[in-house]
Amino acid sequence: MTEIEANEPNYEEMISELREIARKLDNPNTSVEEAVKLHTRGMELISKCEAFLAKAELTITEVHGEQTE
């Protein structure tokens, strides 16, 4: 594991942060400036979650393929 990967949040932490972002975006008291920042961060997290899931799917497919051979 690289130092960068060690500093990255895990999948569950990213999902938790996304839920918090959604809660803040639903709050009518959140300013437009803050909403834009939250949206940007949310999109970054979604991208990271999708990459994590794609990697997990590939790993599962590879393991399954090895077991069926």
C-alpha atoms as a PDB file:
ATOM      1  CA  MET A   1       0.000   0.000   0.000  1.00  0.00           C
ATOM      2  CA  THR A   2       1.391   3.391  -0.932  1.00  0.00           C
ATOM      3  CA  GLU A   3       1.450   6.360   1.408  1.00  0.00           C
ATOM      4  CA  ILE A   4      -1.255   8.047  -0.677  1.00  0.00           C
ATOM      5  CA  GLU A   5      -3.533   4.996  -0.408  1.00  0.00           C
ATOM      6  CA  ALA A   6      -2.961   4.876   3.356  1.00  0.00           C
ATOM      7  CA  ASN A   7      -4.226   8.464   3.634  1.00  0.00           C
ATOM      8  CA  GLU A   8      -7.307   7.830   1.507  1.00  0.00           C
ATOM      9  CA  PRO A   9     -10.575   7.180   3.323  1.00  0.00           C
ATOM     10  CA  ASN A  10     -12.023   3.695   2.988  1.00  0.00           C
ATOM     11  CA  TYR A  11     -15.286   2.991   1.180  1.00  0.00           C
ATOM     12  CA  GLU A  12     -17.423   3.167   4.319  1.00  0.00           C
ATOM     13  CA  GLU A  13     -15.901   6.512   5.297  1.00  0.00           C
ATOM     14  CA  MET A  14     -16.560   7.909   1.828  1.00  0.00           C
ATOM     15  CA  ILE A  15     -20.198   6.776   1.953  1.00  0.00           C
ATOM     16  CA  SER A  16     -20.567   8.338   5.389  1.00  0.00           C
ATOM     17  CA  GLU A  17     -19.153  11.621   4.095  1.00  0.00           C
ATOM     18  CA  LEU A  18     -21.494  11.490   1.091  1.00  0.00           C
ATOM     19  CA  ARG A  19     -24.461  11.087   3.434  1.00  0.00           C
ATOM     20  CA  GLU A  20     -23.295  14.095   5.445  1.00  0.00           C
ATOM     21  CA  ILE A  21     -22.913  16.121   2.249  1.00  0.00           C
ATOM     22  CA  ALA A  22     -26.441  15.157   1.176  1.00  0.00           C
ATOM     23  CA  ARG A  23     -27.774  16.189   4.585  1.00  0.00           C
ATOM     24  CA  LYS A  24     -26.056  19.586   4.315  1.00  0.00           C
ATOM     25  CA  LEU A  25     -27.264  20.096   0.740  1.00  0.00           C
ATOM     26  CA  ASP A  26     -30.835  19.421   1.900  1.00  0.00           C
ATOM     27  CA  ASN A  27     -30.501  22.137   4.537  1.00  0.00           C
ATOM     28  CA  PRO A  28     -32.081  25.367   3.235  1.00  0.00           C
ATOM     29  CA  ASN A  29     -29.598  27.368   5.354  1.00  0.00           C
ATOM     30  CA  THR A  30     -26.604  26.110   3.356  1.00  0.00           C
ATOM     31  CA  SER A  31     -25.213  28.976   1.280  1.00  0.00           C
ATOM     32  CA  VAL A  32     -24.845  28.677  -2.473  1.00  0.00           C
ATOM     33  CA  GLU A  33     -21.055  28.916  -2.149  1.00  0.00           C
ATOM     34  CA  GLU A  34     -20.998  26.091   0.390  1.00  0.00           C
ATOM     35  CA  ALA A  35     -23.402  24.038  -1.727  1.00  0.00           C
ATOM     36  CA  VAL A  36     -21.053  24.317  -4.723  1.00  0.00           C
ATOM     37  CA  LYS A  37     -18.102  23.170  -2.586  1.00  0.00           C
ATOM     38  CA  LEU A  38     -20.145  20.302  -1.177  1.00  0.00           C
ATOM     39  CA  HIS A  39     -21.303  19.277  -4.644  1.00  0.00           C
ATOM     40  CA  THR A  40     -17.721  19.274  -5.927  1.00  0.00           C
ATOM     41  CA  ARG A  41     -16.529  17.171  -2.986  1.00  0.00           C
ATOM     42  CA  GLY A  42     -19.490  14.821  -3.437  1.00  0.00           C
ATOM     43  CA  MET A  43     -18.636  14.272  -7.101  1.00  0.00           C
ATOM     44  CA  GLU A  44     -15.022  13.495  -6.149  1.00  0.00           C
ATOM     45  CA  LEU A  45     -16.200  10.961  -3.583  1.00  0.00           C
ATOM     46  CA  ILE A  46     -18.627   9.352  -6.027  1.00  0.00           C
ATOM     47  CA  SER A  47     -15.804   8.949  -8.534  1.00  0.00           C
ATOM     48  CA  LYS A  48     -13.584   7.334  -5.891  1.00  0.00           C
ATOM     49  CA  CYS A  49     -16.395   5.023  -4.772  1.00  0.00           C
ATOM     50  CA  GLU A  50     -17.056   3.942  -8.351  1.00  0.00           C
ATOM     51  CA  ALA A  51     -13.340   3.221  -8.861  1.00  0.00           C
ATOM     52  CA  PHE A  52     -13.246   1.230  -5.622  1.00  0.00           C
ATOM     53  CA  LEU A  53     -16.271  -0.831  -6.659  1.00  0.00           C
ATOM     54  CA  ALA A  54     -14.862  -1.441 -10.157  1.00  0.00           C
ATOM     55  CA  LYS A  55     -11.609  -2.683  -8.626  1.00  0.00           C
ATOM     56  CA  ALA A  56     -13.512  -4.894  -6.185  1.00  0.00           C
ATOM     57  CA  GLU A  57     -15.603  -6.325  -9.032  1.00  0.00           C
ATOM     58  CA  LEU A  58     -12.466  -7.088 -11.030  1.00  0.00           C
ATOM     59  CA  THR A  59     -10.897  -8.830  -8.032  1.00  0.00           C
ATOM     60  CA  ILE A  60     -14.021 -10.921  -7.470  1.00  0.00           C
ATOM     61  CA  THR A  61     -14.185 -11.827 -11.164  1.00  0.00           C
ATOM     62  CA  GLU A  62     -10.535 -12.869 -11.159  1.00  0.00           C
ATOM     63  CA  VAL A  63     -10.933 -14.979  -7.999  1.00  0.00           C
ATOM     64  CA  HIS A  64     -14.090 -16.575  -9.350  1.00  0.00           C
ATOM     65  CA  GLY A  65     -12.307 -17.341 -12.636  1.00  0.00           C
ATOM     66  CA  GLU A  66      -9.413 -18.985 -10.806  1.00  0.00           C
ATOM     67  CA  GLN A  67     -11.808 -21.150  -8.789  1.00  0.00           C
ATOM     68  CA  THR A  68     -13.663 -22.412 -11.855  1.00  0.00           C
ATOM     69  CA  GLU A  69     -10.505 -23.433 -13.708  1.00  0.00           C
END
